[in-house]
Amino acid sequence: MSDILDETELDDALKKCPEWDIQDSAIYRSIEFEDFEEAIEFVNTVADLAEEAQHHPEINVVYSVVTLTLTTTDDGGVTSADIEMAQRLDNLID
C-alpha cells in the first residue's frame, strides 16, 4: 500500500500532469476524440497499459469523450501510483 498524498503533495504532483483535475479523492482527465471508434481504440490501449502496470483507471466513454479517473481504492485516495499512471496515460495522449 502507498501513502495517500496530502493536498500540498497532490498539488505539486499534478504540476507534472497539468491536464488532470481533482475531484473528491481521485484525479481525472477527459479526452475528446474524432469519433467513437477512435475513443474505443484508445480505451483498448489504456486497458493494455493498465494490465501491464496492475493499476486500473475507471474509464467512462460517452460517444467520443473518454474520461479516466484514478484513485487507489485500497488506500482511499490519490497516491504516487496514481500520479505515475497519469503520467503514463499522458504519454499515450500527448
PDB file of N, CA and C in Angstrom:
ATOM      1  N   MET A   1       0.832  -1.183   0.000  1.00  0.00           N
ATOM      2  CA  MET A   1       0.000   0.000   0.000  1.00  0.00           C
ATOM      3  C   MET A   1       0.881   1.253   0.000  1.00  0.00           C
ATOM      4  N   SER A   2       0.395   2.275  -0.650  1.00  0.00           N
ATOM      5  CA  SER A   2       1.092   3.558  -0.710  1.00  0.00           C
ATOM      6  C   SER A   2       0.399   4.554   0.190  1.00  0.00           C
ATOM      7  N   ASP A   3       1.131   5.591   0.526  1.00  0.00           N
ATOM      8  CA  ASP A   3       0.545   6.651   1.336  1.00  0.00           C
ATOM      9  C   ASP A   3      -0.276   7.586   0.456  1.00  0.00           C
ATOM     10  N   ILE A   4      -1.409   8.014   0.968  1.00  0.00           N
ATOM     11  CA  ILE A   4      -2.238   8.992   0.272  1.00  0.00           C
ATOM     12  C   ILE A   4      -1.485  10.324   0.261  1.00  0.00           C
ATOM     13  N   LEU A   5      -1.493  10.985  -0.878  1.00  0.00           N
ATOM     14  CA  LEU A   5      -0.851  12.288  -0.983  1.00  0.00           C
ATOM     15  C   LEU A   5      -1.716  13.337  -0.285  1.00  0.00           C
ATOM     16  N   ASP A   6      -1.080  14.174   0.525  1.00  0.00           N
ATOM     17  CA  ASP A   6      -1.847  15.262   1.134  1.00  0.00           C
ATOM     18  C   ASP A   6      -2.076  16.348   0.075  1.00  0.00           C
ATOM     19  N   GLU A   7      -2.824  17.365   0.433  1.00  0.00           N
ATOM     20  CA  GLU A   7      -3.223  18.396  -0.536  1.00  0.00           C
ATOM     21  C   GLU A   7      -2.020  19.060  -1.203  1.00  0.00           C
ATOM     22  N   THR A   8      -1.011  19.392  -0.437  1.00  0.00           N
ATOM     23  CA  THR A   8       0.184  20.044  -0.982  1.00  0.00           C
ATOM     24  C   THR A   8       0.939  19.102  -1.908  1.00  0.00           C
ATOM     25  N   GLU A   9       1.127  17.863  -1.470  1.00  0.00           N
ATOM     26  CA  GLU A   9       1.821  16.871  -2.308  1.00  0.00           C
ATOM     27  C   GLU A   9       1.068  16.632  -3.612  1.00  0.00           C
ATOM     28  N   LEU A  10      -0.255  16.565  -3.515  1.00  0.00           N
ATOM     29  CA  LEU A  10      -1.073  16.333  -4.704  1.00  0.00           C
ATOM     30  C   LEU A  10      -0.976  17.519  -5.662  1.00  0.00           C
ATOM     31  N   ASP A  11      -1.062  18.723  -5.142  1.00  0.00           N
ATOM     32  CA  ASP A  11      -0.920  19.917  -5.990  1.00  0.00           C
ATOM     33  C   ASP A  11       0.440  19.928  -6.690  1.00  0.00           C
ATOM     34  N   ASP A  12       1.495  19.597  -5.959  1.00  0.00           N
ATOM     35  CA  ASP A  12       2.839  19.546  -6.549  1.00  0.00           C
ATOM     36  C   ASP A  12       2.931  18.457  -7.616  1.00  0.00           C
ATOM     37  N   ALA A  13       2.369  17.289  -7.316  1.00  0.00           N
ATOM     38  CA  ALA A  13       2.427  16.163  -8.253  1.00  0.00           C
ATOM     39  C   ALA A  13       1.668  16.466  -9.537  1.00  0.00           C
ATOM     40  N   LEU A  14       0.555  17.174  -9.416  1.00  0.00           N
ATOM     41  CA  LEU A  14      -0.251  17.477 -10.603  1.00  0.00           C
ATOM     42  C   LEU A  14       0.398  18.520 -11.510  1.00  0.00           C
ATOM     43  N   LYS A  15       1.440  19.162 -11.046  1.00  0.00           N
ATOM     44  CA  LYS A  15       2.196  20.056 -11.929  1.00  0.00           C
ATOM     45  C   LYS A  15       2.847  19.255 -13.054  1.00  0.00           C
ATOM     46  N   LYS A  16       3.100  17.971 -12.794  1.00  0.00           N
ATOM     47  CA  LYS A  16       3.647  17.074 -13.814  1.00  0.00           C
ATOM     48  C   LYS A  16       2.549  16.579 -14.759  1.00  0.00           C
ATOM     49  N   CYS A  17       1.300  16.733 -14.357  1.00  0.00           N
ATOM     50  CA  CYS A  17       0.138  16.247 -15.109  1.00  0.00           C
ATOM     51  C   CYS A  17      -0.906  17.359 -15.169  1.00  0.00           C
ATOM     52  N   PRO A  18      -0.613  18.460 -15.863  1.00  0.00           N
ATOM     53  CA  PRO A  18      -1.498  19.628 -15.790  1.00  0.00           C
ATOM     54  C   PRO A  18      -2.894  19.436 -16.380  1.00  0.00           C
ATOM     55  N   GLU A  19      -3.106  18.393 -17.158  1.00  0.00           N
ATOM     56  CA  GLU A  19      -4.422  18.143 -17.755  1.00  0.00           C
ATOM     57  C   GLU A  19      -5.372  17.429 -16.793  1.00  0.00           C
ATOM     58  N   TRP A  20      -4.857  16.986 -15.663  1.00  0.00           N
ATOM     59  CA  TRP A  20      -5.649  16.247 -14.688  1.00  0.00           C
ATOM     60  C   TRP A  20      -6.207  17.197 -13.635  1.00  0.00           C
ATOM     61  N   ASP A  21      -7.415  16.905 -13.188  1.00  0.00           N
ATOM     62  CA  ASP A  21      -8.075  17.683 -12.150  1.00  0.00           C
ATOM     63  C   ASP A  21      -8.393  16.785 -10.958  1.00  0.00           C
ATOM     64  N   ILE A  22      -8.673  17.419  -9.843  1.00  0.00           N
ATOM     65  CA  ILE A  22      -9.003  16.701  -8.609  1.00  0.00           C
ATOM     66  C   ILE A  22     -10.513  16.742  -8.409  1.00  0.00           C
ATOM     67  N   GLN A  23     -11.066  15.595  -8.042  1.00  0.00           N
ATOM     68  CA  GLN A  23     -12.477  15.540  -7.642  1.00  0.00           C
ATOM     69  C   GLN A  23     -12.591  14.506  -6.527  1.00  0.00           C
ATOM     70  N   ASP A  24     -13.070  14.953  -5.405  1.00  0.00           N
ATOM     71  CA  ASP A  24     -13.186  14.098  -4.222  1.00  0.00           C
ATOM     72  C   ASP A  24     -11.827  13.476  -3.920  1.00  0.00           C
ATOM     73  N   SER A  25     -11.741  12.161  -3.864  1.00  0.00           N
ATOM     74  CA  SER A  25     -10.471  11.501  -3.541  1.00  0.00           C
ATOM     75  C   SER A  25      -9.875  10.837  -4.784  1.00  0.00           C
ATOM     76  N   ALA A  26      -9.979  11.529  -5.924  1.00  0.00           N
ATOM     77  CA  ALA A  26      -9.487  10.983  -7.195  1.00  0.00           C
ATOM     78  C   ALA A  26      -8.984  12.109  -8.092  1.00  0.00           C
ATOM     79  N   ILE A  27      -8.262  11.716  -9.141  1.00  0.00           N
ATOM     80  CA  ILE A  27      -7.895  12.647 -10.198  1.00  0.00           C
ATOM     81  C   ILE A  27      -8.517  12.137 -11.490  1.00  0.00           C
ATOM     82  N   TYR A  28      -8.817  13.066 -12.394  1.00  0.00           N
ATOM     83  CA  TYR A  28      -9.462  12.646 -13.640  1.00  0.00           C
ATOM     84  C   TYR A  28      -9.028  13.544 -14.797  1.00  0.00           C
ATOM     85  N   ARG A  29      -9.185  12.984 -15.999  1.00  0.00           N
ATOM     86  CA  ARG A  29      -8.902  13.711 -17.235  1.00  0.00           C
ATOM     87  C   ARG A  29      -9.868  13.223 -18.300  1.00  0.00           C
ATOM     88  N   SER A  30     -10.407  14.163 -19.075  1.00  0.00           N
ATOM     89  CA  SER A  30     -11.271  13.822 -20.203  1.00  0.00           C
ATOM     90  C   SER A  30     -10.541  14.128 -21.502  1.00  0.00           C
ATOM     91  N   ILE A  31     -10.702  13.232 -22.479  1.00  0.00           N
ATOM     92  CA  ILE A  31     -10.069  13.376 -23.778  1.00  0.00           C
ATOM     93  C   ILE A  31     -11.145  13.205 -24.836  1.00  0.00           C
ATOM     94  N   GLU A  32     -11.197  14.138 -25.771  1.00  0.00           N
ATOM     95  CA  GLU A  32     -12.186  14.037 -26.849  1.00  0.00           C
ATOM     96  C   GLU A  32     -11.493  13.561 -28.125  1.00  0.00           C
ATOM     97  N   PHE A  33     -12.096  12.563 -28.760  1.00  0.00           N
ATOM     98  CA  PHE A  33     -11.577  12.001 -29.988  1.00  0.00           C
ATOM     99  C   PHE A  33     -12.476  12.374 -31.155  1.00  0.00           C
ATOM    100  N   GLU A  34     -12.035  12.042 -32.351  1.00  0.00           N
ATOM    101  CA  GLU A  34     -12.804  12.361 -33.553  1.00  0.00           C
ATOM    102  C   GLU A  34     -14.150  11.635 -33.584  1.00  0.00           C
ATOM    103  N   ASP A  35     -14.136  10.373 -33.133  1.00  0.00           N
ATOM    104  CA  ASP A  35     -15.365   9.581 -33.187  1.00  0.00           C
ATOM    105  C   ASP A  35     -15.299   8.448 -32.159  1.00  0.00           C
ATOM    106  N   PHE A  36     -16.377   7.696 -32.074  1.00  0.00           N
ATOM    107  CA  PHE A  36     -16.490   6.601 -31.103  1.00  0.00           C
ATOM    108  C   PHE A  36     -15.416   5.542 -31.333  1.00  0.00           C
ATOM    109  N   GLU A  37     -15.183   5.188 -32.581  1.00  0.00           N
ATOM    110  CA  GLU A  37     -14.197   4.141 -32.886  1.00  0.00           C
ATOM    111  C   GLU A  37     -12.810   4.520 -32.382  1.00  0.00           C
ATOM    112  N   GLU A  38     -12.406   5.759 -32.597  1.00  0.00           N
ATOM    113  CA  GLU A  38     -11.105   6.220 -32.120  1.00  0.00           C
ATOM    114  C   GLU A  38     -11.052   6.200 -30.588  1.00  0.00           C
ATOM    115  N   ALA A  39     -12.159   6.573 -29.952  1.00  0.00           N
ATOM    116  CA  ALA A  39     -12.225   6.551 -28.492  1.00  0.00           C
ATOM    117  C   ALA A  39     -12.037   5.129 -27.962  1.00  0.00           C
ATOM    118  N   ILE A  40     -12.687   4.173 -28.591  1.00  0.00           N
ATOM    119  CA  ILE A  40     -12.585   2.784 -28.141  1.00  0.00           C
ATOM    120  C   ILE A  40     -11.193   2.210 -28.401  1.00  0.00           C
ATOM    121  N   GLU A  41     -10.581   2.586 -29.496  1.00  0.00           N
ATOM    122  CA  GLU A  41      -9.191   2.158 -29.741  1.00  0.00           C
ATOM    123  C   GLU A  41      -8.282   2.653 -28.616  1.00  0.00           C
ATOM    124  N   PHE A  42      -8.498   3.894 -28.200  1.00  0.00           N
ATOM    125  CA  PHE A  42      -7.728   4.442 -27.094  1.00  0.00           C
ATOM    126  C   PHE A  42      -7.988   3.659 -25.808  1.00  0.00           C
ATOM    127  N   VAL A  43      -9.251   3.364 -25.534  1.00  0.00           N
ATOM    128  CA  VAL A  43      -9.612   2.602 -24.329  1.00  0.00           C
ATOM    129  C   VAL A  43      -8.904   1.248 -24.329  1.00  0.00           C
ATOM    130  N   ASN A  44      -8.841   0.589 -25.460  1.00  0.00           N
ATOM    131  CA  ASN A  44      -8.161  -0.702 -25.549  1.00  0.00           C
ATOM    132  C   ASN A  44      -6.671  -0.562 -25.250  1.00  0.00           C
ATOM    133  N   THR A  45      -6.069   0.514 -25.712  1.00  0.00           N
ATOM    134  CA  THR A  45      -4.662   0.768 -25.410  1.00  0.00           C
ATOM    135  C   THR A  45      -4.473   1.035 -23.919  1.00  0.00           C
ATOM    136  N   VAL A  46      -5.386   1.796 -23.330  1.00  0.00           N
ATOM    137  CA  VAL A  46      -5.340   2.061 -21.886  1.00  0.00           C
ATOM    138  C   VAL A  46      -5.459   0.751 -21.107  1.00  0.00           C
ATOM    139  N   ALA A  47      -6.332  -0.134 -21.557  1.00  0.00           N
ATOM    140  CA  ALA A  47      -6.515  -1.421 -20.872  1.00  0.00           C
ATOM    141  C   ALA A  47      -5.214  -2.219 -20.863  1.00  0.00           C
ATOM    142  N   ASP A  48      -4.512  -2.239 -21.987  1.00  0.00           N
ATOM    143  CA  ASP A  48      -3.230  -2.956 -22.052  1.00  0.00           C
ATOM    144  C   ASP A  48      -2.211  -2.347 -21.097  1.00  0.00           C
ATOM    145  N   LEU A  49      -2.130  -1.031 -21.087  1.00  0.00           N
ATOM    146  CA  LEU A  49      -1.197  -0.332 -20.197  1.00  0.00           C
ATOM    147  C   LEU A  49      -1.541  -0.578 -18.729  1.00  0.00           C
ATOM    148  N   ALA A  50      -2.820  -0.539 -18.408  1.00  0.00           N
ATOM    149  CA  ALA A  50      -3.265  -0.756 -17.031  1.00  0.00           C
ATOM    150  C   ALA A  50      -2.953  -2.173 -16.562  1.00  0.00           C
ATOM    151  N   GLU A  51      -3.161  -3.128 -17.429  1.00  0.00           N
ATOM    152  CA  GLU A  51      -2.833  -4.517 -17.069  1.00  0.00           C
ATOM    153  C   GLU A  51      -1.345  -4.671 -16.811  1.00  0.00           C
ATOM    154  N   GLU A  52      -0.548  -4.069 -17.667  1.00  0.00           N
ATOM    155  CA  GLU A  52       0.908  -4.132 -17.511  1.00  0.00           C
ATOM    156  C   GLU A  52       1.334  -3.525 -16.175  1.00  0.00           C
ATOM    157  N   ALA A  53       0.720  -2.410 -15.811  1.00  0.00           N
ATOM    158  CA  ALA A  53       1.077  -1.704 -14.577  1.00  0.00           C
ATOM    159  C   ALA A  53       0.357  -2.255 -13.345  1.00  0.00           C
ATOM    160  N   GLN A  54      -0.678  -3.077 -13.568  1.00  0.00           N
ATOM    161  CA  GLN A  54      -1.517  -3.563 -12.477  1.00  0.00           C
ATOM    162  C   GLN A  54      -2.098  -2.404 -11.664  1.00  0.00           C
ATOM    163  N   HIS A  55      -2.495  -1.362 -12.398  1.00  0.00           N
ATOM    164  CA  HIS A  55      -3.142  -0.196 -11.786  1.00  0.00           C
ATOM    165  C   HIS A  55      -4.188   0.276 -12.781  1.00  0.00           C
ATOM    166  N   HIS A  56      -5.451   0.118 -12.441  1.00  0.00           N
ATOM    167  CA  HIS A  56      -6.543   0.268 -13.394  1.00  0.00           C
ATOM    168  C   HIS A  56      -7.376   1.521 -13.140  1.00  0.00           C
ATOM    169  N   PRO A  57      -7.485   2.374 -14.167  1.00  0.00           N
ATOM    170  CA  PRO A  57      -8.337   3.555 -14.015  1.00  0.00           C
ATOM    171  C   PRO A  57      -9.803   3.192 -14.203  1.00  0.00           C
ATOM    172  N   GLU A  58     -10.657   4.028 -13.678  1.00  0.00           N
ATOM    173  CA  GLU A  58     -12.071   3.950 -14.033  1.00  0.00           C
ATOM    174  C   GLU A  58     -12.175   4.625 -15.401  1.00  0.00           C
ATOM    175  N   ILE A  59     -12.879   3.987 -16.320  1.00  0.00           N
ATOM    176  CA  ILE A  59     -12.994   4.506 -17.683  1.00  0.00           C
ATOM    177  C   ILE A  59     -14.463   4.729 -17.999  1.00  0.00           C
ATOM    178  N   ASN A  60     -14.775   5.951 -18.420  1.00  0.00           N
ATOM    179  CA  ASN A  60     -16.137   6.300 -18.803  1.00  0.00           C
ATOM    180  C   ASN A  60     -16.091   6.791 -20.246  1.00  0.00           C
ATOM    181  N   VAL A  61     -16.920   6.194 -21.109  1.00  0.00           N
ATOM    182  CA  VAL A  61     -16.964   6.581 -22.513  1.00  0.00           C
ATOM    183  C   VAL A  61     -18.356   7.104 -22.834  1.00  0.00           C
ATOM    184  N   VAL A  62     -18.393   8.319 -23.369  1.00  0.00           N
ATOM    185  CA  VAL A  62     -19.630   8.897 -23.860  1.00  0.00           C
ATOM    186  C   VAL A  62     -19.334   9.349 -25.290  1.00  0.00           C
ATOM    187  N   TYR A  63     -19.758   8.522 -26.223  1.00  0.00           N
ATOM    188  CA  TYR A  63     -19.503   8.669 -27.651  1.00  0.00           C
ATOM    189  C   TYR A  63     -18.013   8.868 -27.917  1.00  0.00           C
ATOM    190  N   SER A  64     -17.552  10.094 -28.131  1.00  0.00           N
ATOM    191  CA  SER A  64     -16.145  10.306 -28.485  1.00  0.00           C
ATOM    192  C   SER A  64     -15.328  10.906 -27.334  1.00  0.00           C
ATOM    193  N   VAL A  65     -15.908  10.969 -26.149  1.00  0.00           N
ATOM    194  CA  VAL A  65     -15.204  11.516 -24.987  1.00  0.00           C
ATOM    195  C   VAL A  65     -14.924  10.393 -23.991  1.00  0.00           C
ATOM    196  N   VAL A  66     -13.649  10.250 -23.664  1.00  0.00           N
ATOM    197  CA  VAL A  66     -13.217   9.256 -22.681  1.00  0.00           C
ATOM    198  C   VAL A  66     -12.749  10.001 -21.439  1.00  0.00           C
ATOM    199  N   THR A  67     -13.300   9.635 -20.293  1.00  0.00           N
ATOM    200  CA  THR A  67     -12.858  10.209 -19.023  1.00  0.00           C
ATOM    201  C   THR A  67     -12.180   9.108 -18.216  1.00  0.00           C
ATOM    202  N   LEU A  68     -10.965   9.385 -17.810  1.00  0.00           N
ATOM    203  CA  LEU A  68     -10.176   8.467 -16.999  1.00  0.00           C
ATOM    204  C   LEU A  68     -10.127   9.007 -15.582  1.00  0.00           C
ATOM    205  N   THR A  69     -10.389   8.149 -14.608  1.00  0.00           N
ATOM    206  CA  THR A  69     -10.340   8.541 -13.201  1.00  0.00           C
ATOM    207  C   THR A  69      -9.399   7.595 -12.481  1.00  0.00           C
ATOM    208  N   LEU A  70      -8.509   8.168 -11.696  1.00  0.00           N
ATOM    209  CA  LEU A  70      -7.535   7.378 -10.947  1.00  0.00           C
ATOM    210  C   LEU A  70      -7.651   7.660  -9.454  1.00  0.00           C
ATOM    211  N   THR A  71      -7.644   6.590  -8.689  1.00  0.00           N
ATOM    212  CA  THR A  71      -7.569   6.646  -7.237  1.00  0.00           C
ATOM    213  C   THR A  71      -7.085   5.280  -6.779  1.00  0.00           C
ATOM    214  N   THR A  72      -6.448   5.228  -5.644  1.00  0.00           N
ATOM    215  CA  THR A  72      -6.042   3.953  -5.081  1.00  0.00           C
ATOM    216  C   THR A  72      -7.103   3.572  -4.056  1.00  0.00           C
ATOM    217  N   THR A  73      -8.046   2.779  -4.484  1.00  0.00           N
ATOM    218  CA  THR A  73      -9.224   2.451  -3.683  1.00  0.00           C
ATOM    219  C   THR A  73      -8.853   1.851  -2.339  1.00  0.00           C
ATOM    220  N   ASP A  74      -7.887   0.943  -2.329  1.00  0.00           N
ATOM    221  CA  ASP A  74      -7.497   0.290  -1.079  1.00  0.00           C
ATOM    222  C   ASP A  74      -6.987   1.290  -0.042  1.00  0.00           C
ATOM    223  N   ASP A  75      -6.397   2.387  -0.524  1.00  0.00           N
ATOM    224  CA  ASP A  75      -5.860   3.395   0.386  1.00  0.00           C
ATOM    225  C   ASP A  75      -6.819   4.557   0.605  1.00  0.00           C
ATOM    226  N   GLY A  76      -7.836   4.662  -0.232  1.00  0.00           N
ATOM    227  CA  GLY A  76      -8.852   5.689  -0.047  1.00  0.00           C
ATOM    228  C   GLY A  76      -8.482   7.066  -0.547  1.00  0.00           C
ATOM    229  N   GLY A  77      -7.632   7.134  -1.561  1.00  0.00           N
ATOM    230  CA  GLY A  77      -7.271   8.440  -2.104  1.00  0.00           C
ATOM    231  C   GLY A  77      -6.218   8.329  -3.188  1.00  0.00           C
ATOM    232  N   VAL A  78      -5.664   9.467  -3.540  1.00  0.00           N
ATOM    233  CA  VAL A  78      -4.657   9.531  -4.594  1.00  0.00           C
ATOM    234  C   VAL A  78      -3.285   9.272  -3.992  1.00  0.00           C
ATOM    235  N   THR A  79      -2.549   8.363  -4.633  1.00  0.00           N
ATOM    236  CA  THR A  79      -1.203   8.007  -4.195  1.00  0.00           C
ATOM    237  C   THR A  79      -0.221   8.259  -5.336  1.00  0.00           C
ATOM    238  N   SER A  80       1.050   8.049  -5.061  1.00  0.00           N
ATOM    239  CA  SER A  80       2.067   8.214  -6.104  1.00  0.00           C
ATOM    240  C   SER A  80       1.827   7.249  -7.267  1.00  0.00           C
ATOM    241  N   ALA A  81       1.229   6.100  -7.006  1.00  0.00           N
ATOM    242  CA  ALA A  81       0.915   5.155  -8.087  1.00  0.00           C
ATOM    243  C   ALA A  81      -0.077   5.760  -9.075  1.00  0.00           C
ATOM    244  N   ASP A  82      -1.017   6.550  -8.581  1.00  0.00           N
ATOM    245  CA  ASP A  82      -1.976   7.220  -9.460  1.00  0.00           C
ATOM    246  C   ASP A  82      -1.290   8.281 -10.309  1.00  0.00           C
ATOM    247  N   ILE A  83      -0.384   9.022  -9.714  1.00  0.00           N
ATOM    248  CA  ILE A  83       0.351  10.055 -10.458  1.00  0.00           C
ATOM    249  C   ILE A  83       1.219   9.409 -11.531  1.00  0.00           C
ATOM    250  N   GLU A  84       1.885   8.321 -11.187  1.00  0.00           N
ATOM    251  CA  GLU A  84       2.704   7.610 -12.172  1.00  0.00           C
ATOM    252  C   GLU A  84       1.844   7.111 -13.331  1.00  0.00           C
ATOM    253  N   MET A  85       0.673   6.570 -13.022  1.00  0.00           N
ATOM    254  CA  MET A  85      -0.208   6.091 -14.079  1.00  0.00           C
ATOM    255  C   MET A  85      -0.725   7.258 -14.917  1.00  0.00           C
ATOM    256  N   ALA A  86      -1.042   8.374 -14.292  1.00  0.00           N
ATOM    257  CA  ALA A  86      -1.492   9.557 -15.034  1.00  0.00           C
ATOM    258  C   ALA A  86      -0.412   9.994 -16.023  1.00  0.00           C
ATOM    259  N   GLN A  87       0.825   9.975 -15.600  1.00  0.00           N
ATOM    260  CA  GLN A  87       1.920  10.354 -16.493  1.00  0.00           C
ATOM    261  C   GLN A  87       2.049   9.370 -17.656  1.00  0.00           C
ATOM    262  N   ARG A  88       1.903   8.104 -17.385  1.00  0.00           N
ATOM    263  CA  ARG A  88       1.966   7.100 -18.452  1.00  0.00           C
ATOM    264  C   ARG A  88       0.801   7.278 -19.430  1.00  0.00           C
ATOM    265  N   LEU A  89      -0.375   7.578 -18.901  1.00  0.00           N
ATOM    266  CA  LEU A  89      -1.529   7.810 -19.767  1.00  0.00           C
ATOM    267  C   LEU A  89      -1.347   9.075 -20.595  1.00  0.00           C
ATOM    268  N   ASP A  90      -0.775  10.113 -19.979  1.00  0.00           N
ATOM    269  CA  ASP A  90      -0.496  11.341 -20.718  1.00  0.00           C
ATOM    270  C   ASP A  90       0.430  11.061 -21.905  1.00  0.00           C
ATOM    271  N   ASN A  91       1.384  10.176 -21.712  1.00  0.00           N
ATOM    272  CA  ASN A  91       2.298   9.828 -22.808  1.00  0.00           C
ATOM    273  C   ASN A  91       1.568   9.187 -23.981  1.00  0.00           C
ATOM    274  N   LEU A  92       0.473   8.474 -23.708  1.00  0.00           N
ATOM    275  CA  LEU A  92      -0.334   7.900 -24.786  1.00  0.00           C
ATOM    276  C   LEU A  92      -1.087   8.987 -25.548  1.00  0.00           C
ATOM    277  N   ILE A  93      -1.495  10.018 -24.842  1.00  0.00           N
ATOM    278  CA  ILE A  93      -2.371  11.044 -25.400  1.00  0.00           C
ATOM    279  C   ILE A  93      -1.568  12.121 -26.118  1.00  0.00           C
ATOM    280  N   ASP A  94      -0.522  12.593 -25.487  1.00  0.00           N
ATOM    281  CA  ASP A  94       0.209  13.759 -25.992  1.00  0.00           C
ATOM    282  C   ASP A  94       1.274  13.413 -27.000  1.00  0.00           C
TER     283      ASP A  94
END
